[in-house]
Amino acid sequence: MPTKFFRICPLLVLMTVHSGSYAASAQEQDQLSLILQQLDTIERLAARTDTANTSKSVERYRFDYFHLSQDIQRIRQGVQGYLSPARAQPRDPGELIGDYRLEAPPTESSP
């Protein structure tokens, strides 16, 4: 029983000390705000590129802009959630898709 206590005790101390550090420092807030601006820029560039490449492509693979946009939204929500936490309970952050290669639909050959 004492060994179990000594295993749990450091975790409790870390949780107590770390729980007060949810508020980001001013420098960290500035850096995270910059990251949010850069995510906006990336999302705009991806949308512009996706719109420009909507013509029928002959490549076998295409870039999956939809999944990229979803991942950017998830990252943005994580940063915003850190900067202004809505609740103290842990949440499931979900996973990023990370695979942005789409296989082009097979083209029908003309007779």
N, C-alpha and C. Protein backbone atom coordinates (compact mmCIF):
# COMPACT_ATOMS: atom_id res chain seq x y z
N MET A 1 0.81 -1.20 0.00
CA MET A 1 0.00 0.00 0.00
C MET A 1 0.85 1.27 0.00
N PRO A 2 1.95 1.35 0.80
CA PRO A 2 2.76 2.56 0.78
C PRO A 2 3.39 2.82 -0.59
N THR A 3 3.79 1.77 -1.31
CA THR A 3 4.39 2.00 -2.62
C THR A 3 3.38 2.58 -3.60
N LYS A 4 2.13 2.18 -3.49
CA LYS A 4 1.10 2.74 -4.36
C LYS A 4 0.91 4.22 -4.05
N PHE A 5 0.97 4.57 -2.78
CA PHE A 5 0.84 5.97 -2.39
C PHE A 5 1.99 6.79 -2.97
N PHE A 6 3.21 6.23 -2.91
CA PHE A 6 4.36 6.96 -3.42
C PHE A 6 4.34 7.09 -4.94
N ARG A 7 3.63 6.22 -5.59
CA ARG A 7 3.45 6.35 -7.05
C ARG A 7 2.43 7.42 -7.38
N ILE A 8 1.38 7.49 -6.61
CA ILE A 8 0.29 8.43 -6.88
C ILE A 8 0.61 9.83 -6.38
N CYS A 9 1.36 9.94 -5.31
CA CYS A 9 1.67 11.24 -4.69
C CYS A 9 2.31 12.23 -5.68
N PRO A 10 3.34 11.84 -6.44
CA PRO A 10 3.92 12.80 -7.39
C PRO A 10 2.91 13.26 -8.44
N LEU A 11 2.03 12.38 -8.86
CA LEU A 11 1.01 12.77 -9.83
C LEU A 11 0.07 13.82 -9.24
N LEU A 12 -0.33 13.62 -8.00
CA LEU A 12 -1.21 14.59 -7.36
C LEU A 12 -0.52 15.95 -7.19
N VAL A 13 0.75 15.92 -6.83
CA VAL A 13 1.50 17.17 -6.69
C VAL A 13 1.60 17.88 -8.03
N LEU A 14 1.93 17.14 -9.09
CA LEU A 14 2.02 17.74 -10.42
C LEU A 14 0.68 18.32 -10.86
N MET A 15 -0.40 17.60 -10.60
CA MET A 15 -1.72 18.09 -10.98
C MET A 15 -2.06 19.37 -10.22
N THR A 16 -1.71 19.43 -8.96
CA THR A 16 -2.00 20.61 -8.15
C THR A 16 -1.19 21.80 -8.61
N VAL A 17 0.10 21.59 -8.85
CA VAL A 17 0.97 22.68 -9.27
C VAL A 17 0.62 23.12 -10.69
N HIS A 18 0.37 22.17 -11.57
CA HIS A 18 0.13 22.48 -12.97
C HIS A 18 -1.27 23.04 -13.21
N SER A 19 -2.22 22.76 -12.34
CA SER A 19 -3.59 23.21 -12.58
C SER A 19 -3.70 24.73 -12.56
N GLY A 20 -2.81 25.41 -11.86
CA GLY A 20 -2.85 26.86 -11.84
C GLY A 20 -2.20 27.50 -13.05
N SER A 21 -1.58 26.71 -13.91
CA SER A 21 -0.87 27.28 -15.05
C SER A 21 -1.66 27.21 -16.35
N TYR A 22 -2.96 27.15 -16.28
CA TYR A 22 -3.76 27.12 -17.50
C TYR A 22 -3.73 28.46 -18.21
N ALA A 23 -3.62 29.53 -17.46
CA ALA A 23 -3.58 30.85 -18.08
C ALA A 23 -2.24 31.01 -18.79
N ALA A 24 -2.29 31.28 -20.07
CA ALA A 24 -1.07 31.43 -20.84
C ALA A 24 -0.43 32.78 -20.54
N SER A 25 0.90 32.82 -20.58
CA SER A 25 1.61 34.08 -20.39
C SER A 25 1.32 35.00 -21.57
N ALA A 26 1.62 36.27 -21.41
CA ALA A 26 1.36 37.24 -22.47
C ALA A 26 2.14 36.88 -23.73
N GLN A 27 3.39 36.45 -23.56
CA GLN A 27 4.20 36.08 -24.72
C GLN A 27 3.61 34.86 -25.42
N GLU A 28 3.18 33.88 -24.63
CA GLU A 28 2.58 32.68 -25.22
C GLU A 28 1.27 33.02 -25.93
N GLN A 29 0.49 33.89 -25.35
CA GLN A 29 -0.76 34.31 -26.00
C GLN A 29 -0.48 34.99 -27.33
N ASP A 30 0.55 35.84 -27.36
CA ASP A 30 0.93 36.49 -28.62
C ASP A 30 1.34 35.47 -29.67
N GLN A 31 2.15 34.49 -29.26
CA GLN A 31 2.61 33.47 -30.20
C GLN A 31 1.45 32.62 -30.71
N LEU A 32 0.54 32.25 -29.82
CA LEU A 32 -0.60 31.44 -30.22
C LEU A 32 -1.56 32.24 -31.11
N SER A 33 -1.68 33.53 -30.85
CA SER A 33 -2.49 34.39 -31.73
C SER A 33 -1.88 34.45 -33.13
N LEU A 34 -0.55 34.51 -33.17
CA LEU A 34 0.14 34.48 -34.46
C LEU A 34 -0.11 33.16 -35.18
N ILE A 35 -0.09 32.07 -34.45
CA ILE A 35 -0.38 30.76 -35.04
C ILE A 35 -1.80 30.74 -35.62
N LEU A 36 -2.76 31.32 -34.89
CA LEU A 36 -4.14 31.37 -35.40
C LEU A 36 -4.22 32.19 -36.69
N GLN A 37 -3.48 33.29 -36.75
CA GLN A 37 -3.46 34.10 -37.98
C GLN A 37 -2.85 33.30 -39.13
N GLN A 38 -1.80 32.56 -38.84
CA GLN A 38 -1.16 31.76 -39.88
C GLN A 38 -2.08 30.63 -40.35
N LEU A 39 -2.84 30.05 -39.43
CA LEU A 39 -3.81 29.03 -39.83
C LEU A 39 -4.87 29.63 -40.76
N ASP A 40 -5.30 30.86 -40.47
CA ASP A 40 -6.25 31.54 -41.35
C ASP A 40 -5.67 31.72 -42.74
N THR A 41 -4.40 32.12 -42.79
CA THR A 41 -3.73 32.32 -44.08
C THR A 41 -3.62 31.01 -44.84
N ILE A 42 -3.23 29.95 -44.16
CA ILE A 42 -3.11 28.64 -44.81
C ILE A 42 -4.46 28.19 -45.34
N GLU A 43 -5.50 28.40 -44.55
CA GLU A 43 -6.83 27.98 -44.98
C GLU A 43 -7.29 28.76 -46.21
N ARG A 44 -7.02 30.07 -46.23
CA ARG A 44 -7.38 30.88 -47.41
C ARG A 44 -6.61 30.42 -48.64
N LEU A 45 -5.30 30.16 -48.49
CA LEU A 45 -4.49 29.71 -49.62
C LEU A 45 -4.98 28.35 -50.13
N ALA A 46 -5.32 27.46 -49.22
CA ALA A 46 -5.81 26.14 -49.62
C ALA A 46 -7.14 26.27 -50.35
N ALA A 47 -8.03 27.13 -49.86
CA ALA A 47 -9.33 27.32 -50.53
C ALA A 47 -9.13 27.91 -51.92
N ARG A 48 -8.22 28.86 -52.03
CA ARG A 48 -7.95 29.47 -53.34
C ARG A 48 -7.38 28.44 -54.31
N THR A 49 -6.45 27.62 -53.82
CA THR A 49 -5.85 26.60 -54.67
C THR A 49 -6.87 25.55 -55.07
N ASP A 50 -7.72 25.16 -54.12
CA ASP A 50 -8.77 24.18 -54.42
C ASP A 50 -9.71 24.71 -55.48
N THR A 51 -10.10 25.97 -55.36
CA THR A 51 -10.99 26.57 -56.35
C THR A 51 -10.33 26.65 -57.72
N ALA A 52 -9.05 26.98 -57.74
CA ALA A 52 -8.32 27.08 -59.01
C ALA A 52 -8.14 25.72 -59.67
N ASN A 53 -8.13 24.66 -58.89
CA ASN A 53 -7.89 23.32 -59.43
C ASN A 53 -9.16 22.49 -59.54
N THR A 54 -10.32 23.14 -59.64
CA THR A 54 -11.56 22.38 -59.76
C THR A 54 -11.79 21.84 -61.16
N SER A 55 -10.97 22.27 -62.10
CA SER A 55 -11.13 21.74 -63.45
C SER A 55 -10.78 20.26 -63.46
N LYS A 56 -11.26 19.56 -64.45
CA LYS A 56 -11.00 18.13 -64.53
C LYS A 56 -9.51 17.89 -64.67
N SER A 57 -9.02 17.10 -63.77
CA SER A 57 -7.59 16.81 -63.73
C SER A 57 -7.34 15.41 -64.26
N VAL A 58 -6.20 15.22 -64.87
CA VAL A 58 -5.86 13.91 -65.42
C VAL A 58 -4.92 13.14 -64.48
N GLU A 59 -4.52 13.76 -63.37
CA GLU A 59 -3.64 13.07 -62.44
C GLU A 59 -4.39 11.96 -61.71
N ARG A 60 -3.64 10.98 -61.31
CA ARG A 60 -4.25 9.85 -60.59
C ARG A 60 -4.62 10.24 -59.17
N TYR A 61 -3.80 11.09 -58.56
CA TYR A 61 -4.05 11.51 -57.18
C TYR A 61 -4.25 13.02 -57.14
N ARG A 62 -5.10 13.42 -56.23
CA ARG A 62 -5.35 14.84 -55.98
C ARG A 62 -5.15 15.13 -54.50
N PHE A 63 -4.92 16.39 -54.18
CA PHE A 63 -4.77 16.79 -52.79
C PHE A 63 -6.16 16.93 -52.17
N ASP A 64 -6.32 16.43 -50.95
CA ASP A 64 -7.62 16.44 -50.28
C ASP A 64 -7.75 17.71 -49.43
N TYR A 65 -8.22 18.79 -50.06
CA TYR A 65 -8.35 20.07 -49.39
C TYR A 65 -9.42 20.04 -48.30
N PHE A 66 -10.43 19.23 -48.47
CA PHE A 66 -11.50 19.13 -47.47
C PHE A 66 -10.94 18.63 -46.14
N HIS A 67 -10.16 17.55 -46.18
CA HIS A 67 -9.59 17.02 -44.93
C HIS A 67 -8.56 17.97 -44.34
N LEU A 68 -7.82 18.67 -45.18
CA LEU A 68 -6.88 19.68 -44.68
C LEU A 68 -7.64 20.76 -43.92
N SER A 69 -8.74 21.21 -44.48
CA SER A 69 -9.55 22.24 -43.82
C SER A 69 -10.10 21.75 -42.49
N GLN A 70 -10.53 20.50 -42.44
CA GLN A 70 -11.02 19.94 -41.18
C GLN A 70 -9.92 19.89 -40.12
N ASP A 71 -8.72 19.50 -40.52
CA ASP A 71 -7.61 19.43 -39.58
C ASP A 71 -7.22 20.83 -39.09
N ILE A 72 -7.23 21.80 -39.98
CA ILE A 72 -6.93 23.18 -39.58
C ILE A 72 -7.97 23.66 -38.57
N GLN A 73 -9.24 23.35 -38.80
CA GLN A 73 -10.29 23.72 -37.85
C GLN A 73 -10.06 23.07 -36.49
N ARG A 74 -9.67 21.81 -36.49
CA ARG A 74 -9.43 21.10 -35.23
C ARG A 74 -8.25 21.71 -34.48
N ILE A 75 -7.18 22.07 -35.21
CA ILE A 75 -6.03 22.71 -34.57
C ILE A 75 -6.44 24.07 -34.02
N ARG A 76 -7.20 24.83 -34.81
CA ARG A 76 -7.66 26.15 -34.37
C ARG A 76 -8.50 26.03 -33.09
N GLN A 77 -9.40 25.06 -33.05
CA GLN A 77 -10.23 24.87 -31.86
C GLN A 77 -9.37 24.51 -30.65
N GLY A 78 -8.33 23.70 -30.86
CA GLY A 78 -7.44 23.34 -29.77
C GLY A 78 -6.69 24.53 -29.21
N VAL A 79 -6.18 25.39 -30.09
CA VAL A 79 -5.46 26.59 -29.64
C VAL A 79 -6.41 27.54 -28.93
N GLN A 80 -7.59 27.76 -29.51
CA GLN A 80 -8.57 28.65 -28.89
C GLN A 80 -9.05 28.08 -27.56
N GLY A 81 -9.21 26.77 -27.50
CA GLY A 81 -9.62 26.14 -26.25
C GLY A 81 -8.57 26.28 -25.17
N TYR A 82 -7.30 26.29 -25.56
CA TYR A 82 -6.24 26.49 -24.58
C TYR A 82 -6.21 27.94 -24.10
N LEU A 83 -6.39 28.87 -25.04
CA LEU A 83 -6.33 30.28 -24.67
C LEU A 83 -7.50 30.70 -23.78
N SER A 84 -8.66 30.12 -24.02
CA SER A 84 -9.83 30.46 -23.19
C SER A 84 -10.61 29.19 -22.92
N PRO A 85 -10.16 28.41 -21.94
CA PRO A 85 -10.83 27.14 -21.65
C PRO A 85 -12.26 27.37 -21.19
N ALA A 86 -13.18 26.60 -21.75
CA ALA A 86 -14.59 26.74 -21.42
C ALA A 86 -14.96 25.93 -20.19
N ARG A 87 -14.17 24.91 -19.87
CA ARG A 87 -14.49 24.04 -18.74
C ARG A 87 -13.22 23.39 -18.22
N ALA A 88 -13.32 22.89 -17.03
CA ALA A 88 -12.15 22.29 -16.40
C ALA A 88 -12.03 20.80 -16.69
N GLN A 89 -13.05 20.21 -17.27
CA GLN A 89 -13.04 18.77 -17.54
C GLN A 89 -12.24 18.46 -18.78
N PRO A 90 -11.53 17.35 -18.81
CA PRO A 90 -10.81 16.97 -20.02
C PRO A 90 -11.79 16.63 -21.13
N ARG A 91 -11.34 16.82 -22.34
CA ARG A 91 -12.19 16.51 -23.49
C ARG A 91 -11.43 15.63 -24.45
N ASP A 92 -12.17 14.99 -25.33
CA ASP A 92 -11.54 14.13 -26.33
C ASP A 92 -11.12 15.01 -27.50
N PRO A 93 -9.82 15.18 -27.73
CA PRO A 93 -9.39 16.07 -28.80
C PRO A 93 -9.59 15.51 -30.20
N GLY A 94 -9.81 14.22 -30.34
CA GLY A 94 -9.95 13.63 -31.67
C GLY A 94 -8.60 13.54 -32.35
N GLU A 95 -8.58 12.95 -33.50
CA GLU A 95 -7.33 12.79 -34.23
C GLU A 95 -7.37 13.56 -35.53
N LEU A 96 -6.21 14.02 -35.94
CA LEU A 96 -6.09 14.66 -37.23
C LEU A 96 -6.10 13.58 -38.30
N ILE A 97 -6.59 13.92 -39.45
CA ILE A 97 -6.65 12.97 -40.55
C ILE A 97 -5.25 12.77 -41.11
N GLY A 98 -4.59 13.84 -41.49
CA GLY A 98 -3.20 13.79 -41.88
C GLY A 98 -2.89 13.20 -43.23
N ASP A 99 -3.82 12.52 -43.86
CA ASP A 99 -3.59 11.94 -45.18
C ASP A 99 -4.40 12.75 -46.17
N TYR A 100 -3.72 13.50 -47.02
CA TYR A 100 -4.41 14.43 -47.90
C TYR A 100 -4.32 14.03 -49.37
N ARG A 101 -4.08 12.77 -49.63
CA ARG A 101 -4.00 12.32 -51.02
C ARG A 101 -5.27 11.57 -51.37
N LEU A 102 -5.98 12.07 -52.39
CA LEU A 102 -7.18 11.42 -52.89
C LEU A 102 -6.88 10.74 -54.19
N GLU A 103 -7.43 9.59 -54.37
CA GLU A 103 -7.29 8.92 -55.65
C GLU A 103 -8.35 9.47 -56.58
N ALA A 104 -7.93 9.85 -57.76
CA ALA A 104 -8.87 10.39 -58.74
C ALA A 104 -9.79 9.27 -59.21
N PRO A 105 -11.07 9.60 -59.47
CA PRO A 105 -11.97 8.56 -59.99
C PRO A 105 -11.47 8.09 -61.34
N PRO A 106 -11.68 6.82 -61.64
CA PRO A 106 -11.19 6.31 -62.92
C PRO A 106 -11.88 7.02 -64.08
N THR A 107 -11.09 7.36 -65.07
CA THR A 107 -11.63 8.03 -66.24
C THR A 107 -12.14 6.99 -67.21
N GLU A 108 -13.23 7.33 -67.83
CA GLU A 108 -13.80 6.40 -68.81
C GLU A 108 -13.11 6.63 -70.14
N SER A 109 -12.64 5.55 -70.73
CA SER A 109 -11.97 5.69 -72.02
C SER A 109 -13.01 5.80 -73.13
N SER A 110 -12.73 6.64 -74.10
CA SER A 110 -13.65 6.79 -75.22
C SER A 110 -13.41 5.71 -76.27
N PRO A 111 -14.50 5.18 -76.85
CA PRO A 111 -14.33 4.10 -77.84
C PRO A 111 -13.78 4.56 -79.14
